[in-house]
Amino acid sequence: MTCAQAEEQLLESIDEPLPAVVQRAVDRHLASCAACATLANQLRAVDAQLAAALPPLAAPVSIAAGVSRQVRKDRAATLADSMPDVIHLAGCAAATLVSAALLPVEASITLAAGAAFTCITYVGMAVVRWSLEVIEQPDW
């Protein structure tokens, strides 16, 4: 590991812990590089000073209520976005089961054909949805 890579990883470790394999590589580098070890100590000291000087703030109740409203809206939007898929799957399943029960063809053949048709039409739906999303994207 180079000094530049170690420095980058040290800065990354301020926000969140490094993966174990990366942390071991950084530790090996720090053991052999006094300059990077000094930088690591300075970063830890500054982080400790900031943590002591700036205690964590509690979020106001109004923010918590706003976040809860937004989470509910996002859940509703997710459900609305997945509704065509649910309707497609339910419709194909119902049509396949009715066909398997009523047609004079062996049920396993009808079920296999229904499953294949469901998959093919679902891929077609996904392609149409993807193309519509691409069209809606701005070109910038």
N, C-alpha and C. Protein backbone atom coordinates (compact mmCIF):
# COMPACT_ATOMS: atom_id res chain seq x y z
N MET A 1 0.85 -1.17 0.00
CA MET A 1 0.00 0.00 0.00
C MET A 1 0.89 1.24 0.00
N THR A 2 0.54 2.18 -0.85
CA THR A 2 1.31 3.42 -0.92
C THR A 2 0.82 4.40 0.15
N CYS A 3 1.60 5.45 0.37
CA CYS A 3 1.20 6.48 1.33
C CYS A 3 -0.10 7.16 0.89
N ALA A 4 -0.24 7.42 -0.40
CA ALA A 4 -1.46 8.05 -0.89
C ALA A 4 -2.68 7.16 -0.65
N GLN A 5 -2.53 5.86 -0.88
CA GLN A 5 -3.63 4.94 -0.62
C GLN A 5 -3.96 4.86 0.87
N ALA A 6 -2.92 4.84 1.69
CA ALA A 6 -3.13 4.79 3.14
C ALA A 6 -3.84 6.05 3.60
N GLU A 7 -3.42 7.21 3.09
CA GLU A 7 -4.05 8.47 3.46
C GLU A 7 -5.53 8.46 3.07
N GLU A 8 -5.82 8.00 1.88
CA GLU A 8 -7.21 7.94 1.42
C GLU A 8 -8.04 7.04 2.33
N GLN A 9 -7.49 5.89 2.69
CA GLN A 9 -8.21 4.96 3.56
C GLN A 9 -8.39 5.52 4.97
N LEU A 10 -7.37 6.23 5.46
CA LEU A 10 -7.50 6.86 6.77
C LEU A 10 -8.63 7.88 6.77
N LEU A 11 -8.71 8.67 5.71
CA LEU A 11 -9.79 9.66 5.62
C LEU A 11 -11.15 8.97 5.49
N GLU A 12 -11.20 7.87 4.76
CA GLU A 12 -12.46 7.12 4.62
C GLU A 12 -12.89 6.55 5.97
N SER A 13 -11.91 6.13 6.79
CA SER A 13 -12.23 5.49 8.06
C SER A 13 -12.84 6.45 9.06
N ILE A 14 -12.76 7.75 8.79
CA ILE A 14 -13.38 8.73 9.69
C ILE A 14 -14.90 8.59 9.61
N ASP A 15 -15.42 8.38 8.41
CA ASP A 15 -16.87 8.30 8.22
C ASP A 15 -17.45 6.95 8.63
N GLU A 16 -16.74 5.88 8.30
CA GLU A 16 -17.24 4.55 8.61
C GLU A 16 -16.07 3.59 8.71
N PRO A 17 -16.23 2.51 9.47
CA PRO A 17 -15.13 1.55 9.61
C PRO A 17 -14.75 0.93 8.27
N LEU A 18 -13.48 0.67 8.13
CA LEU A 18 -12.98 0.04 6.90
C LEU A 18 -13.25 -1.45 6.95
N PRO A 19 -13.38 -2.09 5.78
CA PRO A 19 -13.46 -3.55 5.76
C PRO A 19 -12.21 -4.13 6.42
N ALA A 20 -12.35 -5.29 7.03
CA ALA A 20 -11.25 -5.89 7.80
C ALA A 20 -9.98 -6.05 6.97
N VAL A 21 -10.09 -6.48 5.73
CA VAL A 21 -8.90 -6.70 4.91
C VAL A 21 -8.19 -5.38 4.61
N VAL A 22 -8.95 -4.32 4.40
CA VAL A 22 -8.37 -3.00 4.13
C VAL A 22 -7.74 -2.46 5.41
N GLN A 23 -8.42 -2.64 6.54
CA GLN A 23 -7.88 -2.16 7.82
C GLN A 23 -6.55 -2.84 8.13
N ARG A 24 -6.44 -4.14 7.85
CA ARG A 24 -5.17 -4.84 8.09
C ARG A 24 -4.06 -4.29 7.21
N ALA A 25 -4.39 -3.99 5.95
CA ALA A 25 -3.39 -3.41 5.04
C ALA A 25 -2.95 -2.04 5.52
N VAL A 26 -3.89 -1.23 5.99
CA VAL A 26 -3.55 0.09 6.51
C VAL A 26 -2.68 -0.06 7.76
N ASP A 27 -3.05 -0.97 8.64
CA ASP A 27 -2.26 -1.19 9.86
C ASP A 27 -0.83 -1.62 9.54
N ARG A 28 -0.68 -2.48 8.55
CA ARG A 28 0.68 -2.91 8.15
C ARG A 28 1.47 -1.71 7.63
N HIS A 29 0.81 -0.87 6.83
CA HIS A 29 1.49 0.30 6.29
C HIS A 29 1.87 1.26 7.42
N LEU A 30 0.97 1.49 8.36
CA LEU A 30 1.25 2.40 9.47
C LEU A 30 2.40 1.91 10.33
N ALA A 31 2.53 0.59 10.44
CA ALA A 31 3.63 0.03 11.24
C ALA A 31 4.99 0.31 10.61
N SER A 32 5.00 0.49 9.29
CA SER A 32 6.29 0.69 8.61
C SER A 32 6.50 2.12 8.10
N CYS A 33 5.52 3.01 8.27
CA CYS A 33 5.63 4.37 7.73
C CYS A 33 5.32 5.38 8.84
N ALA A 34 6.35 6.05 9.31
CA ALA A 34 6.18 7.01 10.42
C ALA A 34 5.31 8.19 10.01
N ALA A 35 5.43 8.65 8.77
CA ALA A 35 4.65 9.82 8.33
C ALA A 35 3.15 9.50 8.34
N CYS A 36 2.78 8.35 7.85
CA CYS A 36 1.37 7.97 7.82
C CYS A 36 0.86 7.67 9.24
N ALA A 37 1.71 7.09 10.08
CA ALA A 37 1.32 6.83 11.46
C ALA A 37 1.05 8.15 12.18
N THR A 38 1.89 9.16 11.91
CA THR A 38 1.68 10.48 12.50
C THR A 38 0.37 11.07 12.02
N LEU A 39 0.10 10.97 10.73
CA LEU A 39 -1.16 11.46 10.17
C LEU A 39 -2.34 10.76 10.83
N ALA A 40 -2.26 9.45 11.01
CA ALA A 40 -3.35 8.69 11.63
C ALA A 40 -3.59 9.19 13.05
N ASN A 41 -2.51 9.44 13.80
CA ASN A 41 -2.65 9.94 15.17
C ASN A 41 -3.27 11.33 15.17
N GLN A 42 -2.87 12.18 14.22
CA GLN A 42 -3.43 13.53 14.13
C GLN A 42 -4.93 13.48 13.80
N LEU A 43 -5.29 12.61 12.88
CA LEU A 43 -6.71 12.47 12.51
C LEU A 43 -7.53 11.99 13.70
N ARG A 44 -7.02 11.02 14.46
CA ARG A 44 -7.73 10.53 15.64
C ARG A 44 -7.88 11.64 16.68
N ALA A 45 -6.80 12.43 16.87
CA ALA A 45 -6.85 13.52 17.85
C ALA A 45 -7.88 14.57 17.45
N VAL A 46 -7.89 14.95 16.18
CA VAL A 46 -8.86 15.94 15.71
C VAL A 46 -10.27 15.39 15.85
N ASP A 47 -10.46 14.14 15.51
CA ASP A 47 -11.79 13.53 15.63
C ASP A 47 -12.25 13.52 17.09
N ALA A 48 -11.36 13.19 18.00
CA ALA A 48 -11.70 13.18 19.43
C ALA A 48 -12.02 14.60 19.92
N GLN A 49 -11.25 15.58 19.46
CA GLN A 49 -11.51 16.97 19.86
C GLN A 49 -12.87 17.44 19.34
N LEU A 50 -13.18 17.10 18.10
CA LEU A 50 -14.47 17.49 17.53
C LEU A 50 -15.62 16.79 18.26
N ALA A 51 -15.44 15.53 18.58
CA ALA A 51 -16.49 14.80 19.29
C ALA A 51 -16.74 15.41 20.67
N ALA A 52 -15.67 15.85 21.33
CA ALA A 52 -15.82 16.47 22.65
C ALA A 52 -16.43 17.86 22.55
N ALA A 53 -16.05 18.61 21.52
CA ALA A 53 -16.51 19.99 21.38
C ALA A 53 -17.93 20.07 20.81
N LEU A 54 -18.31 19.10 20.04
CA LEU A 54 -19.62 19.12 19.38
C LEU A 54 -20.42 17.88 19.79
N PRO A 55 -21.09 17.93 20.93
CA PRO A 55 -21.87 16.76 21.33
C PRO A 55 -23.00 16.52 20.33
N PRO A 56 -23.43 15.28 20.22
CA PRO A 56 -24.50 14.98 19.27
C PRO A 56 -25.79 15.71 19.65
N LEU A 57 -26.48 16.18 18.66
CA LEU A 57 -27.73 16.90 18.88
C LEU A 57 -28.90 15.95 18.71
N ALA A 58 -29.91 16.19 19.49
CA ALA A 58 -31.14 15.42 19.34
C ALA A 58 -32.00 16.10 18.27
N ALA A 59 -32.56 15.31 17.42
CA ALA A 59 -33.41 15.87 16.36
C ALA A 59 -34.71 16.37 16.96
N PRO A 60 -35.17 17.53 16.52
CA PRO A 60 -36.47 18.02 17.02
C PRO A 60 -37.60 17.08 16.64
N VAL A 61 -38.63 17.08 17.46
CA VAL A 61 -39.79 16.21 17.23
C VAL A 61 -40.41 16.48 15.86
N SER A 62 -40.40 17.73 15.42
CA SER A 62 -41.01 18.06 14.13
C SER A 62 -40.29 17.36 12.98
N ILE A 63 -38.99 17.19 13.12
CA ILE A 63 -38.25 16.48 12.07
C ILE A 63 -38.63 15.01 12.05
N ALA A 64 -38.74 14.41 13.23
CA ALA A 64 -39.11 13.00 13.31
C ALA A 64 -40.48 12.77 12.67
N ALA A 65 -41.42 13.67 12.91
CA ALA A 65 -42.75 13.53 12.31
C ALA A 65 -42.67 13.66 10.80
N GLY A 66 -41.85 14.60 10.31
CA GLY A 66 -41.69 14.77 8.87
C GLY A 66 -41.06 13.55 8.22
N VAL A 67 -40.07 12.97 8.90
CA VAL A 67 -39.42 11.77 8.37
C VAL A 67 -40.42 10.62 8.31
N SER A 68 -41.23 10.48 9.36
CA SER A 68 -42.24 9.42 9.37
C SER A 68 -43.24 9.59 8.23
N ARG A 69 -43.67 10.83 7.98
CA ARG A 69 -44.59 11.08 6.85
C ARG A 69 -43.95 10.70 5.53
N GLN A 70 -42.68 11.08 5.36
CA GLN A 70 -41.99 10.78 4.11
C GLN A 70 -41.82 9.27 3.92
N VAL A 71 -41.52 8.55 5.00
CA VAL A 71 -41.39 7.09 4.91
C VAL A 71 -42.71 6.47 4.48
N ARG A 72 -43.82 6.96 5.05
CA ARG A 72 -45.13 6.44 4.64
C ARG A 72 -45.42 6.73 3.17
N LYS A 73 -45.07 7.95 2.71
CA LYS A 73 -45.26 8.30 1.30
C LYS A 73 -44.42 7.40 0.40
N ASP A 74 -43.17 7.16 0.82
CA ASP A 74 -42.29 6.31 0.01
C ASP A 74 -42.81 4.88 -0.07
N ARG A 75 -43.34 4.38 1.05
CA ARG A 75 -43.92 3.02 1.04
C ARG A 75 -45.12 2.95 0.10
N ALA A 76 -45.96 3.96 0.16
CA ALA A 76 -47.14 3.99 -0.71
C ALA A 76 -46.72 4.07 -2.18
N ALA A 77 -45.70 4.88 -2.46
CA ALA A 77 -45.21 5.00 -3.84
C ALA A 77 -44.62 3.68 -4.32
N THR A 78 -43.90 2.99 -3.44
CA THR A 78 -43.32 1.70 -3.80
C THR A 78 -44.42 0.69 -4.10
N LEU A 79 -45.46 0.68 -3.27
CA LEU A 79 -46.58 -0.22 -3.52
C LEU A 79 -47.26 0.11 -4.84
N ALA A 80 -47.47 1.39 -5.09
CA ALA A 80 -48.10 1.80 -6.35
C ALA A 80 -47.24 1.42 -7.55
N ASP A 81 -45.93 1.56 -7.41
CA ASP A 81 -45.03 1.21 -8.50
C ASP A 81 -45.03 -0.30 -8.78
N SER A 82 -45.23 -1.11 -7.75
CA SER A 82 -45.18 -2.56 -7.95
C SER A 82 -46.55 -3.15 -8.29
N MET A 83 -47.60 -2.35 -8.22
CA MET A 83 -48.94 -2.87 -8.47
C MET A 83 -49.11 -3.49 -9.86
N PRO A 84 -48.59 -2.89 -10.95
CA PRO A 84 -48.72 -3.56 -12.25
C PRO A 84 -48.10 -4.96 -12.26
N ASP A 85 -46.99 -5.13 -11.55
CA ASP A 85 -46.35 -6.44 -11.50
C ASP A 85 -47.23 -7.45 -10.76
N VAL A 86 -47.81 -7.02 -9.65
CA VAL A 86 -48.67 -7.89 -8.86
C VAL A 86 -49.91 -8.27 -9.67
N ILE A 87 -50.52 -7.30 -10.33
CA ILE A 87 -51.70 -7.58 -11.15
C ILE A 87 -51.36 -8.52 -12.29
N HIS A 88 -50.22 -8.31 -12.93
CA HIS A 88 -49.78 -9.17 -14.03
C HIS A 88 -49.61 -10.60 -13.54
N LEU A 89 -48.91 -10.77 -12.43
CA LEU A 89 -48.66 -12.11 -11.90
C LEU A 89 -49.98 -12.78 -11.50
N ALA A 90 -50.86 -12.05 -10.81
CA ALA A 90 -52.14 -12.62 -10.38
C ALA A 90 -53.01 -12.98 -11.58
N GLY A 91 -53.05 -12.10 -12.58
CA GLY A 91 -53.86 -12.38 -13.76
C GLY A 91 -53.35 -13.59 -14.53
N CYS A 92 -52.06 -13.67 -14.72
CA CYS A 92 -51.49 -14.82 -15.44
C CYS A 92 -51.70 -16.12 -14.65
N ALA A 93 -51.54 -16.04 -13.32
CA ALA A 93 -51.75 -17.24 -12.50
C ALA A 93 -53.20 -17.70 -12.58
N ALA A 94 -54.14 -16.76 -12.48
CA ALA A 94 -55.56 -17.12 -12.56
C ALA A 94 -55.89 -17.71 -13.93
N ALA A 95 -55.43 -17.07 -15.00
CA ALA A 95 -55.72 -17.58 -16.34
C ALA A 95 -55.11 -18.96 -16.55
N THR A 96 -53.92 -19.17 -16.04
CA THR A 96 -53.26 -20.47 -16.18
C THR A 96 -54.02 -21.55 -15.42
N LEU A 97 -54.44 -21.26 -14.19
CA LEU A 97 -55.16 -22.26 -13.40
C LEU A 97 -56.53 -22.57 -14.00
N VAL A 98 -57.22 -21.55 -14.49
CA VAL A 98 -58.52 -21.79 -15.14
C VAL A 98 -58.31 -22.62 -16.41
N SER A 99 -57.29 -22.28 -17.18
CA SER A 99 -57.00 -23.04 -18.41
C SER A 99 -56.65 -24.48 -18.09
N ALA A 100 -55.84 -24.68 -17.04
CA ALA A 100 -55.46 -26.05 -16.67
C ALA A 100 -56.68 -26.86 -16.25
N ALA A 101 -57.65 -26.21 -15.62
CA ALA A 101 -58.84 -26.91 -15.16
C ALA A 101 -59.82 -27.19 -16.30
N LEU A 102 -59.90 -26.28 -17.28
CA LEU A 102 -60.96 -26.39 -18.29
C LEU A 102 -60.52 -26.99 -19.62
N LEU A 103 -59.27 -26.79 -20.01
CA LEU A 103 -58.85 -27.26 -21.32
C LEU A 103 -58.65 -28.78 -21.33
N PRO A 104 -58.92 -29.41 -22.49
CA PRO A 104 -58.77 -30.86 -22.57
C PRO A 104 -57.32 -31.28 -22.83
N VAL A 105 -56.38 -30.49 -22.35
CA VAL A 105 -54.96 -30.80 -22.50
C VAL A 105 -54.44 -31.15 -21.11
N GLU A 106 -53.40 -31.97 -21.08
CA GLU A 106 -52.84 -32.35 -19.78
C GLU A 106 -52.48 -31.09 -18.99
N ALA A 107 -52.84 -31.08 -17.71
CA ALA A 107 -52.68 -29.90 -16.86
C ALA A 107 -51.22 -29.45 -16.75
N SER A 108 -50.29 -30.39 -16.72
CA SER A 108 -48.87 -30.01 -16.58
C SER A 108 -48.39 -29.22 -17.79
N ILE A 109 -48.90 -29.56 -18.98
CA ILE A 109 -48.53 -28.82 -20.19
C ILE A 109 -49.11 -27.41 -20.12
N THR A 110 -50.35 -27.30 -19.70
CA THR A 110 -50.99 -25.99 -19.59
C THR A 110 -50.27 -25.13 -18.54
N LEU A 111 -49.92 -25.73 -17.41
CA LEU A 111 -49.21 -24.98 -16.37
C LEU A 111 -47.84 -24.52 -16.86
N ALA A 112 -47.13 -25.38 -17.57
CA ALA A 112 -45.81 -24.99 -18.11
C ALA A 112 -45.96 -23.87 -19.13
N ALA A 113 -46.96 -23.98 -20.00
CA ALA A 113 -47.19 -22.94 -21.00
C ALA A 113 -47.57 -21.63 -20.31
N GLY A 114 -48.39 -21.70 -19.27
CA GLY A 114 -48.78 -20.51 -18.54
C GLY A 114 -47.60 -19.85 -17.85
N ALA A 115 -46.71 -20.65 -17.26
CA ALA A 115 -45.52 -20.11 -16.60
C ALA A 115 -44.60 -19.45 -17.63
N ALA A 116 -44.44 -20.10 -18.79
CA ALA A 116 -43.59 -19.54 -19.84
C ALA A 116 -44.19 -18.23 -20.35
N PHE A 117 -45.49 -18.21 -20.59
CA PHE A 117 -46.17 -17.00 -21.06
C PHE A 117 -46.02 -15.88 -20.04
N THR A 118 -46.18 -16.20 -18.77
CA THR A 118 -46.03 -15.20 -17.70
C THR A 118 -44.64 -14.59 -17.74
N CYS A 119 -43.62 -15.43 -17.85
CA CYS A 119 -42.24 -14.93 -17.89
C CYS A 119 -42.00 -14.06 -19.12
N ILE A 120 -42.47 -14.51 -20.26
CA ILE A 120 -42.25 -13.77 -21.50
C ILE A 120 -42.95 -12.42 -21.44
N THR A 121 -44.20 -12.40 -20.99
CA THR A 121 -44.92 -11.13 -20.93
C THR A 121 -44.34 -10.21 -19.85
N TYR A 122 -43.81 -10.79 -18.78
CA TYR A 122 -43.20 -9.95 -17.75
C TYR A 122 -41.94 -9.28 -18.29
N VAL A 123 -41.15 -10.01 -19.05
CA VAL A 123 -39.96 -9.40 -19.67
C VAL A 123 -40.39 -8.29 -20.63
N GLY A 124 -41.44 -8.54 -21.39
CA GLY A 124 -41.95 -7.50 -22.29
C GLY A 124 -42.39 -6.26 -21.52
N MET A 125 -43.09 -6.46 -20.41
CA MET A 125 -43.50 -5.34 -19.57
C MET A 125 -42.30 -4.58 -19.03
N ALA A 126 -41.28 -5.31 -18.60
CA ALA A 126 -40.08 -4.68 -18.05
C ALA A 126 -39.37 -3.85 -19.11
N VAL A 127 -39.31 -4.35 -20.34
CA VAL A 127 -38.68 -3.60 -21.42
C VAL A 127 -39.46 -2.32 -21.72
N VAL A 128 -40.77 -2.42 -21.76
CA VAL A 128 -41.59 -1.22 -22.01
C VAL A 128 -41.41 -0.23 -20.88
N ARG A 129 -41.43 -0.69 -19.63
CA ARG A 129 -41.26 0.20 -18.48
C ARG A 129 -39.89 0.88 -18.54
N TRP A 130 -38.86 0.10 -18.84
CA TRP A 130 -37.50 0.65 -18.93
C TRP A 130 -37.42 1.70 -20.03
N SER A 131 -38.01 1.41 -21.18
CA SER A 131 -37.94 2.37 -22.29
C SER A 131 -38.69 3.66 -21.95
N LEU A 132 -39.79 3.54 -21.23
CA LEU A 132 -40.52 4.75 -20.82
C LEU A 132 -39.72 5.56 -19.80
N GLU A 133 -39.02 4.89 -18.91
CA GLU A 133 -38.18 5.60 -17.94
C GLU A 133 -37.03 6.31 -18.63
N VAL A 134 -36.47 5.68 -19.64
CA VAL A 134 -35.37 6.30 -20.39
C VAL A 134 -35.86 7.54 -21.12
N ILE A 135 -37.05 7.45 -21.70
CA ILE A 135 -37.62 8.58 -22.43
C ILE A 135 -37.85 9.76 -21.48
N GLU A 136 -38.27 9.49 -20.24
CA GLU A 136 -38.58 10.53 -19.29
C GLU A 136 -37.32 11.20 -18.71
N GLN A 137 -36.16 10.57 -18.85
CA GLN A 137 -34.92 11.12 -18.30
C GLN A 137 -34.47 12.34 -19.09
N PRO A 138 -34.06 13.41 -18.41
CA PRO A 138 -33.52 14.55 -19.14
C PRO A 138 -32.17 14.20 -19.74
N ASP A 139 -31.81 14.87 -20.81
CA ASP A 139 -30.56 14.58 -21.52
C ASP A 139 -29.35 15.26 -20.93
N TRP A 140 -29.49 15.94 -19.86
CA TRP A 140 -28.37 16.68 -19.29
C TRP A 140 -27.78 15.90 -18.24
